[in-house]
Amino acid sequence: MRFRPLPDLMFMLVMVVMVVQMGVLHRSMVMLERHRNP
């Protein structure tokens, strides 16, 4: 079974997007907490 590079590239792209989304969500939550409790 030979692997084509396209699905692997899509998988890497999805992983990067998920990691970035989690990082942005965490940062927004931290900023919200900081704004609520100065």
C-alpha atoms as a PDB file:
ATOM      1  CA  MET A   1       0.000   0.000   0.000  1.00  0.00           C
ATOM      2  CA  ARG A   2       1.565   3.254  -1.174  1.00  0.00           C
ATOM      3  CA  PHE A   3       0.799   6.505   0.647  1.00  0.00           C
ATOM      4  CA  ARG A   4       0.034   9.611  -1.380  1.00  0.00           C
ATOM      5  CA  PRO A   5       1.358  12.885   0.080  1.00  0.00           C
ATOM      6  CA  LEU A   6      -1.983  14.717  -0.147  1.00  0.00           C
ATOM      7  CA  PRO A   7      -3.909  12.993   2.716  1.00  0.00           C
ATOM      8  CA  ASP A   8      -0.858  13.287   4.977  1.00  0.00           C
ATOM      9  CA  LEU A   9      -0.629  17.006   4.141  1.00  0.00           C
ATOM     10  CA  MET A  10      -4.348  17.459   4.875  1.00  0.00           C
ATOM     11  CA  PHE A  11      -3.950  15.605   8.190  1.00  0.00           C
ATOM     12  CA  MET A  12      -1.017  17.833   9.163  1.00  0.00           C
ATOM     13  CA  LEU A  13      -3.032  20.924   8.195  1.00  0.00           C
ATOM     14  CA  VAL A  14      -6.000  19.782  10.321  1.00  0.00           C
ATOM     15  CA  MET A  15      -3.718  19.103  13.294  1.00  0.00           C
ATOM     16  CA  VAL A  16      -2.085  22.546  12.993  1.00  0.00           C
ATOM     17  CA  VAL A  17      -5.494  24.243  12.743  1.00  0.00           C
ATOM     18  CA  MET A  18      -6.741  22.358  15.835  1.00  0.00           C
ATOM     19  CA  VAL A  19      -3.628  23.305  17.840  1.00  0.00           C
ATOM     20  CA  VAL A  20      -3.905  26.968  16.791  1.00  0.00           C
ATOM     21  CA  GLN A  21      -7.615  26.989  17.635  1.00  0.00           C
ATOM     22  CA  MET A  22      -6.919  25.550  21.100  1.00  0.00           C
ATOM     23  CA  GLY A  23      -4.157  28.114  21.669  1.00  0.00           C
ATOM     24  CA  VAL A  24      -6.406  31.028  20.613  1.00  0.00           C
ATOM     25  CA  LEU A  25      -9.248  29.717  22.795  1.00  0.00           C
ATOM     26  CA  HIS A  26      -6.920  29.394  25.807  1.00  0.00           C
ATOM     27  CA  ARG A  27      -5.517  32.892  25.242  1.00  0.00           C
ATOM     28  CA  SER A  28      -8.997  34.404  24.912  1.00  0.00           C
ATOM     29  CA  MET A  29     -10.096  32.665  28.131  1.00  0.00           C
ATOM     30  CA  VAL A  30      -7.004  33.954  29.960  1.00  0.00           C
ATOM     31  CA  MET A  31      -7.651  37.473  28.664  1.00  0.00           C
ATOM     32  CA  LEU A  32     -11.296  37.240  29.766  1.00  0.00           C
ATOM     33  CA  GLU A  33     -10.258  36.153  33.260  1.00  0.00           C
ATOM     34  CA  ARG A  34      -7.691  38.946  33.440  1.00  0.00           C
ATOM     35  CA  HIS A  35     -10.301  41.477  32.311  1.00  0.00           C
ATOM     36  CA  ARG A  36     -12.808  40.233  34.889  1.00  0.00           C
ATOM     37  CA  ASN A  37     -10.288  40.222  37.753  1.00  0.00           C
ATOM     38  CA  PRO A  38      -7.909  43.193  37.366  1.00  0.00           C
END
